[in-house]
C-alpha atoms as a PDB file:
ATOM      1  CA  MET A   1       0.064  -0.106  -0.022  1.00  0.00           C
ATOM      2  CA  LYS A   2       1.807   3.399  -1.241  1.00  0.00           C
ATOM      3  CA  MET A   3       1.591   6.198   1.500  1.00  0.00           C
ATOM      4  CA  LEU A   4       2.509   9.789   1.795  1.00  0.00           C
ATOM      5  CA  ILE A   5       5.014   8.706   4.941  1.00  0.00           C
ATOM      6  CA  ASN A   6       8.736   9.286   5.116  1.00  0.00           C
ATOM      7  CA  VAL A   7       8.395   6.223   7.707  1.00  0.00           C
ATOM      8  CA  ALA A   8       5.566   4.922  10.044  1.00  0.00           C
ATOM      9  CA  GLU A   9       7.888   5.843  13.263  1.00  0.00           C
ATOM     10  CA  SER A  10       7.678   9.726  12.397  1.00  0.00           C
ATOM     11  CA  VAL A  11       4.084  10.287  10.886  1.00  0.00           C
ATOM     12  CA  VAL A  12       2.683  11.540  14.113  1.00  0.00           C
ATOM     13  CA  ALA A  13       5.681  14.092  14.563  1.00  0.00           C
ATOM     14  CA  ASP A  14       5.743  14.826  10.980  1.00  0.00           C
ATOM     15  CA  ALA A  15       2.198  16.073  10.345  1.00  0.00           C
ATOM     16  CA  LEU A  16       2.335  18.059  13.999  1.00  0.00           C
ATOM     17  CA  ARG A  17       5.720  19.615  12.271  1.00  0.00           C
ATOM     18  CA  GLY A  18       3.405  20.240   9.266  1.00  0.00           C
ATOM     19  CA  MET A  19       0.212  21.695  11.446  1.00  0.00           C
ATOM     20  CA  THR A  20       2.645  24.224  13.106  1.00  0.00           C
ATOM     21  CA  ALA A  21       3.590  25.665   9.820  1.00  0.00           C
ATOM     22  CA  ALA A  22       0.023  25.860   8.615  1.00  0.00           C
ATOM     23  CA  HIS A  23      -1.672  27.290  11.680  1.00  0.00           C
ATOM     24  CA  PRO A  24       0.459  29.796  13.736  1.00  0.00           C
ATOM     25  CA  GLU A  25      -2.468  30.332  16.027  1.00  0.00           C
ATOM     26  CA  LEU A  26      -1.542  27.186  17.329  1.00  0.00           C
ATOM     27  CA  VAL A  27       0.997  26.302  19.660  1.00  0.00           C
ATOM     28  CA  VAL A  28       1.964  22.568  18.722  1.00  0.00           C
ATOM     29  CA  ASP A  29       4.451  21.130  20.802  1.00  0.00           C
ATOM     30  CA  VAL A  30       5.774  18.286  18.599  1.00  0.00           C
ATOM     31  CA  ASP A  31       8.140  16.318  21.391  1.00  0.00           C
ATOM     32  CA  LYS A  32       5.377  16.252  23.813  1.00  0.00           C
ATOM     33  CA  ARG A  33       2.815  16.079  21.527  1.00  0.00           C
ATOM     34  CA  VAL A  34       0.657  18.753  22.889  1.00  0.00           C
ATOM     35  CA  ILE A  35      -1.442  21.627  20.716  1.00  0.00           C
ATOM     36  CA  VAL A  36      -2.589  24.837  22.603  1.00  0.00           C
ATOM     37  CA  ARG A  37      -4.414  27.926  21.346  1.00  0.00           C
ATOM     38  CA  ARG A  38      -1.668  30.437  21.264  1.00  0.00           C
ATOM     39  CA  ASP A  39      -3.864  32.740  23.519  1.00  0.00           C
ATOM     40  CA  ALA A  40      -4.576  30.460  26.633  1.00  0.00           C
ATOM     41  CA  PRO A  41      -4.982  30.820  29.072  1.00  0.00           C
ATOM     42  CA  VAL A  42      -7.978  33.131  28.613  1.00  0.00           C
ATOM     43  CA  ALA A  43      -8.597  34.665  31.836  1.00  0.00           C
ATOM     44  CA  GLY A  44     -11.862  33.490  33.545  1.00  0.00           C
ATOM     45  CA  LYS A  45     -12.845  30.534  31.132  1.00  0.00           C
ATOM     46  CA  VAL A  46     -13.193  27.240  31.276  1.00  0.00           C
ATOM     47  CA  ALA A  47     -10.937  25.412  29.422  1.00  0.00           C
ATOM     48  CA  LEU A  48     -11.886  22.423  26.927  1.00  0.00           C
ATOM     49  CA  ILE A  49      -8.838  19.704  26.334  1.00  0.00           C
ATOM     50  CA  SER A  50      -9.290  16.299  24.416  1.00  0.00           C
ATOM     51  CA  GLY A  51      -7.553  13.822  22.638  1.00  0.00           C
ATOM     52  CA  GLY A  52      -7.210  10.463  21.855  1.00  0.00           C
ATOM     53  CA  GLY A  53      -5.348   8.482  18.825  1.00  0.00           C
ATOM     54  CA  SER A  54      -3.889  10.148  15.749  1.00  0.00           C
ATOM     55  CA  GLY A  55      -5.640   9.258  12.271  1.00  0.00           C
ATOM     56  CA  HIS A  56      -8.841  10.304  13.450  1.00  0.00           C
ATOM     57  CA  GLU A  57      -7.902  14.018  11.881  1.00  0.00           C
ATOM     58  CA  PRO A  58      -8.941  16.868  11.893  1.00  0.00           C
ATOM     59  CA  LEU A  59     -10.150  15.334  15.478  1.00  0.00           C
ATOM     60  CA  HIS A  60      -9.043  16.705  17.792  1.00  0.00           C
ATOM     61  CA  GLY A  61      -6.000  18.500  16.894  1.00  0.00           C
ATOM     62  CA  GLY A  62      -8.264  20.385  13.994  1.00  0.00           C
ATOM     63  CA  PHE A  63     -10.448  21.316  16.444  1.00  0.00           C
ATOM     64  CA  VAL A  64      -8.540  23.654  19.044  1.00  0.00           C
ATOM     65  CA  GLY A  65      -9.318  27.555  18.577  1.00  0.00           C
ATOM     66  CA  PRO A  66     -11.785  30.261  19.946  1.00  0.00           C
ATOM     67  CA  GLY A  67     -15.240  28.351  19.681  1.00  0.00           C
ATOM     68  CA  MET A  68     -13.639  24.866  20.816  1.00  0.00           C
ATOM     69  CA  LEU A  69     -11.359  22.883  22.298  1.00  0.00           C
ATOM     70  CA  SER A  70      -8.251  24.942  24.498  1.00  0.00           C
ATOM     71  CA  ALA A  71      -5.952  22.022  23.940  1.00  0.00           C
ATOM     72  CA  ALA A  72      -5.832  18.672  22.347  1.00  0.00           C
ATOM     73  CA  CYS A  73      -3.074  15.456  22.723  1.00  0.00           C
ATOM     74  CA  PRO A  74      -2.188  13.554  20.098  1.00  0.00           C
ATOM     75  CA  GLY A  75      -1.406   9.673  20.968  1.00  0.00           C
ATOM     76  CA  GLU A  76       0.424   7.877  18.108  1.00  0.00           C
ATOM     77  CA  VAL A  77      -2.021   6.361  15.512  1.00  0.00           C
ATOM     78  CA  PHE A  78      -4.658   4.762  17.604  1.00  0.00           C
ATOM     79  CA  THR A  79      -3.416   4.424  20.555  1.00  0.00           C
ATOM     80  CA  SER A  80      -4.248   6.541  23.776  1.00  0.00           C
ATOM     81  CA  PRO A  81      -2.487   9.858  24.444  1.00  0.00           C
ATOM     82  CA  VAL A  82      -0.536   9.266  28.039  1.00  0.00           C
ATOM     83  CA  PRO A  83      -1.407  11.024  31.155  1.00  0.00           C
ATOM     84  CA  ASP A  84       1.674  13.467  31.295  1.00  0.00           C
ATOM     85  CA  GLN A  85       0.328  14.570  27.939  1.00  0.00           C
ATOM     86  CA  MET A  86      -2.850  15.782  29.525  1.00  0.00           C
ATOM     87  CA  VAL A  87      -1.421  17.228  32.725  1.00  0.00           C
ATOM     88  CA  ARG A  88       0.762  19.774  30.416  1.00  0.00           C
ATOM     89  CA  ALA A  89      -2.290  20.491  28.318  1.00  0.00           C
ATOM     90  CA  ALA A  90      -4.587  21.436  31.651  1.00  0.00           C
ATOM     91  CA  SER A  91      -1.414  23.521  32.864  1.00  0.00           C
ATOM     92  CA  ALA A  92      -0.668  25.166  29.791  1.00  0.00           C
ATOM     93  CA  VAL A  93      -4.777  26.416  29.464  1.00  0.00           C
ATOM     94  CA  ASP A  94      -6.037  26.239  32.876  1.00  0.00           C
ATOM     95  CA  SER A  95      -6.987  29.959  33.834  1.00  0.00           C
ATOM     96  CA  GLY A  96      -8.531  29.210  37.775  1.00  0.00           C
ATOM     97  CA  ALA A  97     -11.805  28.330  36.034  1.00  0.00           C
ATOM     98  CA  GLY A  98     -11.299  25.019  35.518  1.00  0.00           C
ATOM     99  CA  VAL A  99     -10.660  22.208  33.035  1.00  0.00           C
ATOM    100  CA  LEU A 100     -13.194  19.921  31.306  1.00  0.00           C
ATOM    101  CA  PHE A 101     -11.847  16.818  29.427  1.00  0.00           C
ATOM    102  CA  ILE A 102     -14.014  15.286  26.767  1.00  0.00           C
ATOM    103  CA  VAL A 103     -13.111  11.917  26.128  1.00  0.00           C
ATOM    104  CA  LYS A 104     -13.680   9.092  23.837  1.00  0.00           C
ATOM    105  CA  ASN A 105     -15.197   5.719  25.116  1.00  0.00           C
ATOM    106  CA  TYR A 106     -12.070   3.599  24.287  1.00  0.00           C
ATOM    107  CA  THR A 107     -10.900   1.931  27.348  1.00  0.00           C
ATOM    108  CA  GLY A 108      -7.053   3.192  26.911  1.00  0.00           C
ATOM    109  CA  ASP A 109      -8.484   6.807  26.969  1.00  0.00           C
ATOM    110  CA  VAL A 110     -10.902   6.350  29.774  1.00  0.00           C
ATOM    111  CA  LEU A 111      -7.884   5.312  31.952  1.00  0.00           C
ATOM    112  CA  ASN A 112      -5.225   7.366  31.079  1.00  0.00           C
ATOM    113  CA  PHE A 113      -7.526  10.752  31.117  1.00  0.00           C
ATOM    114  CA  ASP A 114      -9.198   9.604  35.010  1.00  0.00           C
ATOM    115  CA  MET A 115      -5.341   8.702  35.751  1.00  0.00           C
ATOM    116  CA  ALA A 116      -4.874  12.647  34.826  1.00  0.00           C
ATOM    117  CA  ALA A 117      -7.673  14.440  36.110  1.00  0.00           C
ATOM    118  CA  GLU A 118      -6.258  12.917  39.565  1.00  0.00           C
ATOM    119  CA  LEU A 119      -2.746  14.632  38.908  1.00  0.00           C
ATOM    120  CA  ALA A 120      -4.170  17.549  37.387  1.00  0.00           C
ATOM    121  CA  GLU A 121      -6.240  17.831  40.870  1.00  0.00           C
ATOM    122  CA  ASP A 122      -3.023  17.479  42.511  1.00  0.00           C
ATOM    123  CA  GLU A 123      -1.765  20.406  41.162  1.00  0.00           C
ATOM    124  CA  GLY A 124      -4.664  22.581  42.265  1.00  0.00           C
ATOM    125  CA  ILE A 125      -6.659  22.589  38.885  1.00  0.00           C
ATOM    126  CA  GLN A 126     -10.407  21.724  39.128  1.00  0.00           C
ATOM    127  CA  VAL A 127     -11.054  19.005  36.562  1.00  0.00           C
ATOM    128  CA  ALA A 128     -14.730  17.706  35.404  1.00  0.00           C
ATOM    129  CA  LYS A 129     -15.178  15.546  32.595  1.00  0.00           C
ATOM    130  CA  VAL A 130     -17.704  14.000  29.935  1.00  0.00           C
ATOM    131  CA  LEU A 131     -17.772  10.902  28.413  1.00  0.00           C
ATOM    132  CA  VAL A 132     -19.160  10.119  24.729  1.00  0.00           C
ATOM    133  CA  ASN A 133     -20.541   7.247  23.827  1.00  0.00           C
ATOM    134  CA  ASP A 134     -23.071   7.545  21.170  1.00  0.00           C
ATOM    135  CA  ASP A 135     -21.993   4.884  18.581  1.00  0.00           C
ATOM    136  CA  VAL A 136     -25.487   2.858  18.726  1.00  0.00           C
ATOM    137  CA  ALA A 137     -24.187  -0.161  16.322  1.00  0.00           C
ATOM    138  CA  VAL A 138     -22.589  -2.544  19.723  1.00  0.00           C
ATOM    139  CA  THR A 139     -22.240  -2.099  22.954  1.00  0.00           C
ATOM    140  CA  ASP A 140     -18.817  -3.654  23.425  1.00  0.00           C
ATOM    141  CA  SER A 141     -16.079  -3.323  21.238  1.00  0.00           C
ATOM    142  CA  LEU A 142     -12.247  -4.465  20.816  1.00  0.00           C
ATOM    143  CA  TYR A 143     -11.503  -1.178  22.555  1.00  0.00           C
ATOM    144  CA  THR A 144     -14.420  -0.252  24.704  1.00  0.00           C
ATOM    145  CA  ALA A 145     -16.311  -1.451  27.212  1.00  0.00           C
ATOM    146  CA  GLY A 146     -20.423   0.040  26.351  1.00  0.00           C
ATOM    147  CA  ARG A 147     -20.927   2.170  23.103  1.00  0.00           C
ATOM    148  CA  ARG A 148     -17.560   3.722  21.338  1.00  0.00           C
ATOM    149  CA  GLY A 149     -17.224   7.224  21.484  1.00  0.00           C
ATOM    150  CA  THR A 150     -17.555   8.663  17.402  1.00  0.00           C
ATOM    151  CA  GLY A 151     -18.991  11.391  15.353  1.00  0.00           C
ATOM    152  CA  ALA A 152     -21.066  12.942  18.090  1.00  0.00           C
ATOM    153  CA  THR A 153     -17.853  13.847  19.929  1.00  0.00           C
ATOM    154  CA  LEU A 154     -17.501  16.947  17.311  1.00  0.00           C
ATOM    155  CA  PHE A 155     -21.430  17.983  18.643  1.00  0.00           C
ATOM    156  CA  VAL A 156     -19.679  18.225  22.091  1.00  0.00           C
ATOM    157  CA  GLU A 157     -16.760  19.724  21.513  1.00  0.00           C
ATOM    158  CA  LYS A 158     -18.199  22.355  19.566  1.00  0.00           C
ATOM    159  CA  ILE A 159     -21.280  23.411  21.787  1.00  0.00           C
ATOM    160  CA  ALA A 160     -19.373  22.940  25.213  1.00  0.00           C
ATOM    161  CA  GLY A 161     -16.764  24.873  23.342  1.00  0.00           C
ATOM    162  CA  ALA A 162     -19.167  27.847  22.793  1.00  0.00           C
ATOM    163  CA  ALA A 163     -20.596  27.388  26.488  1.00  0.00           C
ATOM    164  CA  ALA A 164     -16.896  27.885  27.236  1.00  0.00           C
ATOM    165  CA  ASP A 165     -15.963  30.983  25.703  1.00  0.00           C
ATOM    166  CA  GLU A 166     -19.596  32.752  26.738  1.00  0.00           C
ATOM    167  CA  GLY A 167     -17.525  32.583  30.184  1.00  0.00           C
ATOM    168  CA  GLN A 168     -19.931  29.736  31.473  1.00  0.00           C
ATOM    169  CA  PRO A 169     -18.776  27.924  34.689  1.00  0.00           C
ATOM    170  CA  LEU A 170     -17.234  24.939  34.920  1.00  0.00           C
ATOM    171  CA  GLU A 171     -20.241  22.794  36.415  1.00  0.00           C
ATOM    172  CA  ARG A 172     -23.112  24.019  33.686  1.00  0.00           C
ATOM    173  CA  VAL A 173     -20.185  23.556  30.610  1.00  0.00           C
ATOM    174  CA  GLU A 174     -19.758  19.981  31.724  1.00  0.00           C
ATOM    175  CA  ALA A 175     -24.159  19.650  32.272  1.00  0.00           C
ATOM    176  CA  ILE A 176     -24.164  20.967  28.690  1.00  0.00           C
ATOM    177  CA  GLY A 177     -21.567  18.711  26.998  1.00  0.00           C
ATOM    178  CA  ARG A 178     -23.299  15.385  28.657  1.00  0.00           C
ATOM    179  CA  GLN A 179     -26.666  16.860  27.588  1.00  0.00           C
ATOM    180  CA  VAL A 180     -25.089  16.742  23.830  1.00  0.00           C
ATOM    181  CA  ASN A 181     -23.874  13.496  24.177  1.00  0.00           C
ATOM    182  CA  GLU A 182     -27.575  11.852  25.938  1.00  0.00           C
ATOM    183  CA  ASN A 183     -28.830  13.418  22.857  1.00  0.00           C
ATOM    184  CA  ALA A 184     -26.516  12.469  20.048  1.00  0.00           C
ATOM    185  CA  ARG A 185     -26.689   8.583  18.361  1.00  0.00           C
ATOM    186  CA  SER A 186     -24.393   7.352  15.597  1.00  0.00           C
ATOM    187  CA  PHE A 187     -23.901   4.804  13.039  1.00  0.00           C
ATOM    188  CA  GLY A 188     -21.199   4.148  10.928  1.00  0.00           C
ATOM    189  CA  VAL A 189     -20.794   1.936   7.268  1.00  0.00           C
ATOM    190  CA  ALA A 190     -17.003   0.672   6.320  1.00  0.00           C
ATOM    191  CA  LEU A 191     -16.505   0.320   2.498  1.00  0.00           C
ATOM    192  CA  SER A 192     -12.921  -0.740   3.132  1.00  0.00           C
ATOM    193  CA  ALA A 193     -10.628  -1.219   5.800  1.00  0.00           C
ATOM    194  CA  CYS A 194      -8.535   1.570   6.788  1.00  0.00           C
ATOM    195  CA  THR A 195      -4.263   0.704   6.682  1.00  0.00           C
ATOM    196  CA  THR A 196      -1.668   2.016   9.216  1.00  0.00           C
ATOM    197  CA  PRO A 197       1.435   3.097   8.713  1.00  0.00           C
ATOM    198  CA  ALA A 198       3.100   0.498  11.360  1.00  0.00           C
ATOM    199  CA  LYS A 199       1.560  -2.049   9.056  1.00  0.00           C
ATOM    200  CA  GLY A 200       1.240  -1.106   5.751  1.00  0.00           C
ATOM    201  CA  SER A 201      -1.705  -3.024   4.853  1.00  0.00           C
ATOM    202  CA  PRO A 202      -5.303  -3.065   5.332  1.00  0.00           C
ATOM    203  CA  THR A 203      -5.778  -3.354   9.312  1.00  0.00           C
ATOM    204  CA  PHE A 204      -8.676  -6.018   8.333  1.00  0.00           C
ATOM    205  CA  ASP A 205     -10.223  -8.006   5.228  1.00  0.00           C
ATOM    206  CA  LEU A 206     -13.319  -6.974   3.960  1.00  0.00           C
ATOM    207  CA  PRO A 207     -13.716  -8.656   0.283  1.00  0.00           C
ATOM    208  CA  PRO A 208     -14.469  -6.847  -2.414  1.00  0.00           C
ATOM    209  CA  GLY A 209     -18.311  -6.092  -3.131  1.00  0.00           C
ATOM    210  CA  GLU A 210     -19.011  -6.724   0.444  1.00  0.00           C
ATOM    211  CA  LEU A 211     -19.160  -3.816   3.382  1.00  0.00           C
ATOM    212  CA  GLU A 212     -19.380  -3.501   7.345  1.00  0.00           C
ATOM    213  CA  LEU A 213     -22.378  -2.526   8.993  1.00  0.00           C
ATOM    214  CA  GLY A 214     -21.543  -0.876  12.440  1.00  0.00           C
ATOM    215  CA  ILE A 215     -18.169  -0.236  12.159  1.00  0.00           C
ATOM    216  CA  GLY A 216     -16.009   1.687  14.529  1.00  0.00           C
ATOM    217  CA  ILE A 217     -13.190   4.346  13.877  1.00  0.00           C
ATOM    218  CA  HIS A 218     -10.447   2.065  14.305  1.00  0.00           C
ATOM    219  CA  GLY A 219     -11.755  -1.025  12.231  1.00  0.00           C
ATOM    220  CA  GLU A 220     -13.446  -2.794  15.009  1.00  0.00           C
ATOM    221  CA  PRO A 221     -16.243  -5.113  13.745  1.00  0.00           C
ATOM    222  CA  GLY A 222     -19.928  -3.936  12.763  1.00  0.00           C
ATOM    223  CA  ARG A 223     -23.333  -5.091  13.760  1.00  0.00           C
ATOM    224  CA  GLU A 224     -23.173  -7.238  10.311  1.00  0.00           C
ATOM    225  CA  ARG A 225     -21.263  -8.130   6.991  1.00  0.00           C
ATOM    226  CA  ARG A 226     -23.437  -7.506   3.852  1.00  0.00           C
ATOM    227  CA  ALA A 227     -22.940  -7.573   0.080  1.00  0.00           C
ATOM    228  CA  MET A 228     -22.701  -4.008  -1.667  1.00  0.00           C
ATOM    229  CA  MET A 229     -25.918  -1.956  -0.943  1.00  0.00           C
ATOM    230  CA  THR A 230     -26.866   1.667  -2.568  1.00  0.00           C
ATOM    231  CA  SER A 231     -26.425   4.438  -0.993  1.00  0.00           C
ATOM    232  CA  GLY A 232     -29.978   4.786   0.099  1.00  0.00           C
ATOM    233  CA  GLU A 233     -30.202   1.518   1.632  1.00  0.00           C
ATOM    234  CA  ILE A 234     -27.349   2.222   3.426  1.00  0.00           C
ATOM    235  CA  ALA A 235     -28.877   5.555   4.711  1.00  0.00           C
ATOM    236  CA  ASP A 236     -32.022   3.664   5.145  1.00  0.00           C
ATOM    237  CA  PHE A 237     -30.302   1.437   7.395  1.00  0.00           C
ATOM    238  CA  ALA A 238     -27.953   3.665   9.181  1.00  0.00           C
ATOM    239  CA  VAL A 239     -30.408   6.599   9.960  1.00  0.00           C
ATOM    240  CA  GLY A 240     -33.297   3.684  10.927  1.00  0.00           C
ATOM    241  CA  ALA A 241     -30.709   2.171  13.307  1.00  0.00           C
ATOM    242  CA  VAL A 242     -30.096   5.815  15.304  1.00  0.00           C
ATOM    243  CA  LEU A 243     -33.996   6.446  15.397  1.00  0.00           C
ATOM    244  CA  GLU A 244     -34.812   3.256  16.841  1.00  0.00           C
ATOM    245  CA  ASP A 245     -32.325   3.750  19.711  1.00  0.00           C
ATOM    246  CA  MET A 246     -33.378   7.822  19.902  1.00  0.00           C
ATOM    247  CA  PRO A 247     -36.589   8.851  18.483  1.00  0.00           C
ATOM    248  CA  PRO A 248     -36.008  12.275  17.857  1.00  0.00           C
ATOM    249  CA  ARG A 249     -38.937  14.958  20.159  1.00  0.00           C
ATOM    250  CA  ASN A 250     -36.899  17.806  19.044  1.00  0.00           C
ATOM    251  CA  PRO A 251     -35.240  18.991  15.777  1.00  0.00           C
ATOM    252  CA  VAL A 252     -31.965  17.410  15.208  1.00  0.00           C
ATOM    253  CA  LEU A 253     -28.185  18.630  14.060  1.00  0.00           C
ATOM    254  CA  VAL A 254     -26.527  16.498  11.579  1.00  0.00           C
ATOM    255  CA  LEU A 255     -23.535  15.055  10.648  1.00  0.00           C
ATOM    256  CA  VAL A 256     -23.049  13.058   7.738  1.00  0.00           C
ATOM    257  CA  ASN A 257     -18.798  12.259   8.135  1.00  0.00           C
ATOM    258  CA  GLY A 258     -16.521  10.652   5.699  1.00  0.00           C
ATOM    259  CA  MET A 259     -14.031   8.114   7.378  1.00  0.00           C
ATOM    260  CA  GLY A 260     -11.343   9.441   5.491  1.00  0.00           C
ATOM    261  CA  GLY A 261     -11.193   8.005   2.246  1.00  0.00           C
ATOM    262  CA  THR A 262     -14.623   8.785   0.865  1.00  0.00           C
ATOM    263  CA  PRO A 263     -15.183  11.663  -1.723  1.00  0.00           C
ATOM    264  CA  LEU A 264     -17.090  14.482  -1.025  1.00  0.00           C
ATOM    265  CA  LEU A 265     -19.567  13.789  -4.564  1.00  0.00           C
ATOM    266  CA  GLU A 266     -20.344  10.636  -2.896  1.00  0.00           C
ATOM    267  CA  LEU A 267     -20.791  11.941   0.661  1.00  0.00           C
ATOM    268  CA  TYR A 268     -23.308  14.460  -0.925  1.00  0.00           C
ATOM    269  CA  GLY A 269     -24.909  12.030  -2.605  1.00  0.00           C
ATOM    270  CA  PHE A 270     -25.094   9.879   0.787  1.00  0.00           C
ATOM    271  CA  ASN A 271     -26.486  12.866   2.456  1.00  0.00           C
ATOM    272  CA  ALA A 272     -29.287  13.540   0.050  1.00  0.00           C
ATOM    273  CA  GLU A 273     -30.239   9.839   0.808  1.00  0.00           C
ATOM    274  CA  VAL A 274     -29.824  10.508   5.053  1.00  0.00           C
ATOM    275  CA  GLN A 275     -32.239  13.750   4.370  1.00  0.00           C
ATOM    276  CA  ARG A 276     -34.755  11.831   2.503  1.00  0.00           C
ATOM    277  CA  VAL A 277     -34.760   9.178   5.414  1.00  0.00           C
ATOM    278  CA  LEU A 278     -35.028  11.984   7.740  1.00  0.00           C
ATOM    279  CA  ALA A 279     -37.955  13.439   6.102  1.00  0.00           C
ATOM    280  CA  GLU A 280     -40.223   9.941   5.522  1.00  0.00           C
ATOM    281  CA  ARG A 281     -40.080   9.718   9.400  1.00  0.00           C
ATOM    282  CA  GLY A 282     -41.086  13.247   9.795  1.00  0.00           C
ATOM    283  CA  VAL A 283     -37.364  14.780  11.806  1.00  0.00           C
ATOM    284  CA  SER A 284     -37.028  17.902  11.412  1.00  0.00           C
ATOM    285  CA  VAL A 285     -33.139  18.933  10.453  1.00  0.00           C
ATOM    286  CA  ALA A 286     -31.826  22.128  12.286  1.00  0.00           C
ATOM    287  CA  HIS A 287     -28.390  22.226  10.860  1.00  0.00           C
ATOM    288  CA  THR A 288     -26.353  19.694   8.536  1.00  0.00           C
ATOM    289  CA  LEU A 289     -22.609  19.146   7.997  1.00  0.00           C
ATOM    290  CA  VAL A 290     -21.327  17.480   5.375  1.00  0.00           C
ATOM    291  CA  GLY A 291     -17.700  16.376   5.204  1.00  0.00           C
ATOM    292  CA  ASN A 292     -14.599  14.213   6.964  1.00  0.00           C
ATOM    293  CA  TYR A 293     -14.376  15.132  10.290  1.00  0.00           C
ATOM    294  CA  VAL A 294     -14.121  12.369  12.299  1.00  0.00           C
ATOM    295  CA  THR A 295     -12.288  10.100   9.915  1.00  0.00           C
ATOM    296  CA  SER A 296     -10.129   6.772  10.599  1.00  0.00           C
ATOM    297  CA  LEU A 297      -7.221   7.267   8.127  1.00  0.00           C
ATOM    298  CA  ASP A 298      -8.177   6.144   4.658  1.00  0.00           C
ATOM    299  CA  MET A 299     -11.228   4.006   5.277  1.00  0.00           C
ATOM    300  CA  ALA A 300     -13.814   4.452   2.746  1.00  0.00           C
ATOM    301  CA  GLY A 301     -16.907   4.638   4.237  1.00  0.00           C
ATOM    302  CA  ALA A 302     -19.240   7.205   6.441  1.00  0.00           C
ATOM    303  CA  SER A 303     -20.933   7.373   9.575  1.00  0.00           C
ATOM    304  CA  VAL A 304     -24.267   9.522  10.160  1.00  0.00           C
ATOM    305  CA  SER A 305     -24.570  11.647  13.406  1.00  0.00           C
ATOM    306  CA  LEU A 306     -27.857  12.909  14.885  1.00  0.00           C
ATOM    307  CA  CYS A 307     -28.193  14.969  17.779  1.00  0.00           C
ATOM    308  CA  GLN A 308     -31.202  16.547  19.171  1.00  0.00           C
ATOM    309  CA  VAL A 309     -31.235  20.209  19.965  1.00  0.00           C
ATOM    310  CA  ASP A 310     -33.630  22.854  22.455  1.00  0.00           C
ATOM    311  CA  GLU A 311     -33.054  26.415  21.553  1.00  0.00           C
ATOM    312  CA  GLU A 312     -29.805  27.038  23.693  1.00  0.00           C
ATOM    313  CA  LEU A 313     -27.912  23.880  22.195  1.00  0.00           C
ATOM    314  CA  LEU A 314     -29.007  25.416  18.776  1.00  0.00           C
ATOM    315  CA  ARG A 315     -27.893  28.574  19.715  1.00  0.00           C
ATOM    316  CA  LEU A 316     -24.453  27.302  21.031  1.00  0.00           C
ATOM    317  CA  TRP A 317     -24.033  25.071  18.021  1.00  0.00           C
ATOM    318  CA  ASN A 318     -24.491  28.054  15.586  1.00  0.00           C
ATOM    319  CA  ALA A 319     -21.670  31.006  17.819  1.00  0.00           C
ATOM    320  CA  PRO A 320     -18.902  31.516  15.740  1.00  0.00           C
ATOM    321  CA  VAL A 321     -15.950  28.947  15.456  1.00  0.00           C
ATOM    322  CA  LYS A 322     -12.335  29.347  14.212  1.00  0.00           C
ATOM    323  CA  THR A 323     -10.457  26.142  14.124  1.00  0.00           C
ATOM    324  CA  PRO A 324      -8.341  24.711  11.202  1.00  0.00           C
ATOM    325  CA  GLY A 325     -11.140  22.024  11.155  1.00  0.00           C
ATOM    326  CA  LEU A 326     -14.447  23.625  11.324  1.00  0.00           C
ATOM    327  CA  ARG A 327     -15.190  27.551  11.083  1.00  0.00           C
ATOM    328  CA  TRP A 328     -17.946  29.866  10.939  1.00  0.00           C
ATOM    329  CA  GLY A 329     -19.650  33.327  12.208  1.00  0.00           C
ATOM    330  CA  MET A 330     -16.030  35.032  12.896  1.00  0.00           C
END
């Protein structure tokens, strides 16, 4: 498999060096693996920190900036960052108003962020946590106890980030993040396996003419494997799985997310089918986002995330944001 890299061992460091050159509004510590808003700490503002294995870009480093994260901690590819990274990030961005950790529900991430919270509190930093577990495909997986954290991470980081930028206190920002997670669900589909730099070949076997329904963002198995389906059939299945788990009472935010290897031409076509299914089910759509946001290296496929929003959550969603991976209203 051809890859645009030097050597597998330097992939993350090389990417961080490139990020430094492209985004002077960020402070990127390549050696210690921490990405921070250049204006941090912001006086009186709750700081948001997230992180996880690399390979899911723009998540999380691409969402550092006004209106979203204060800092991000990238691990090696598909590997959790270590507690020292998170404590370093917390020290860099805490203004005294506290820090909110946003953690996807993968065992390594949960354990390391919990350890980091204890270490940060020992240093006098107040820490709260929101666990993202939005994936409805499976209950347990290779990496997870319970549901996986996937596309709804973007909703949590954006909406809680807006609340923090307004100066809302830590307890309120945490509550908003939890509310978003509780009202969000996702379902993903793989058309091909992803290729990690270290392995240099597909991480799992997906024969030609087949797809995996309910795949995880690291290539974890889904609900079932089937013969290739049309875009409309996939939308029927994926949106149906989400609505079965969460019948919406309010309008929804829609994220039609590429897994890294699917062109926008196909994603927009898939979005048309997602919107059709939602209209047929009588679901009101408040806002739609289409693109590659929570990826899995070069995996072909897509995920659908829905988040029910009231007036307050929608207002925070629409608030200005300026990050490498998401920006509007600035």
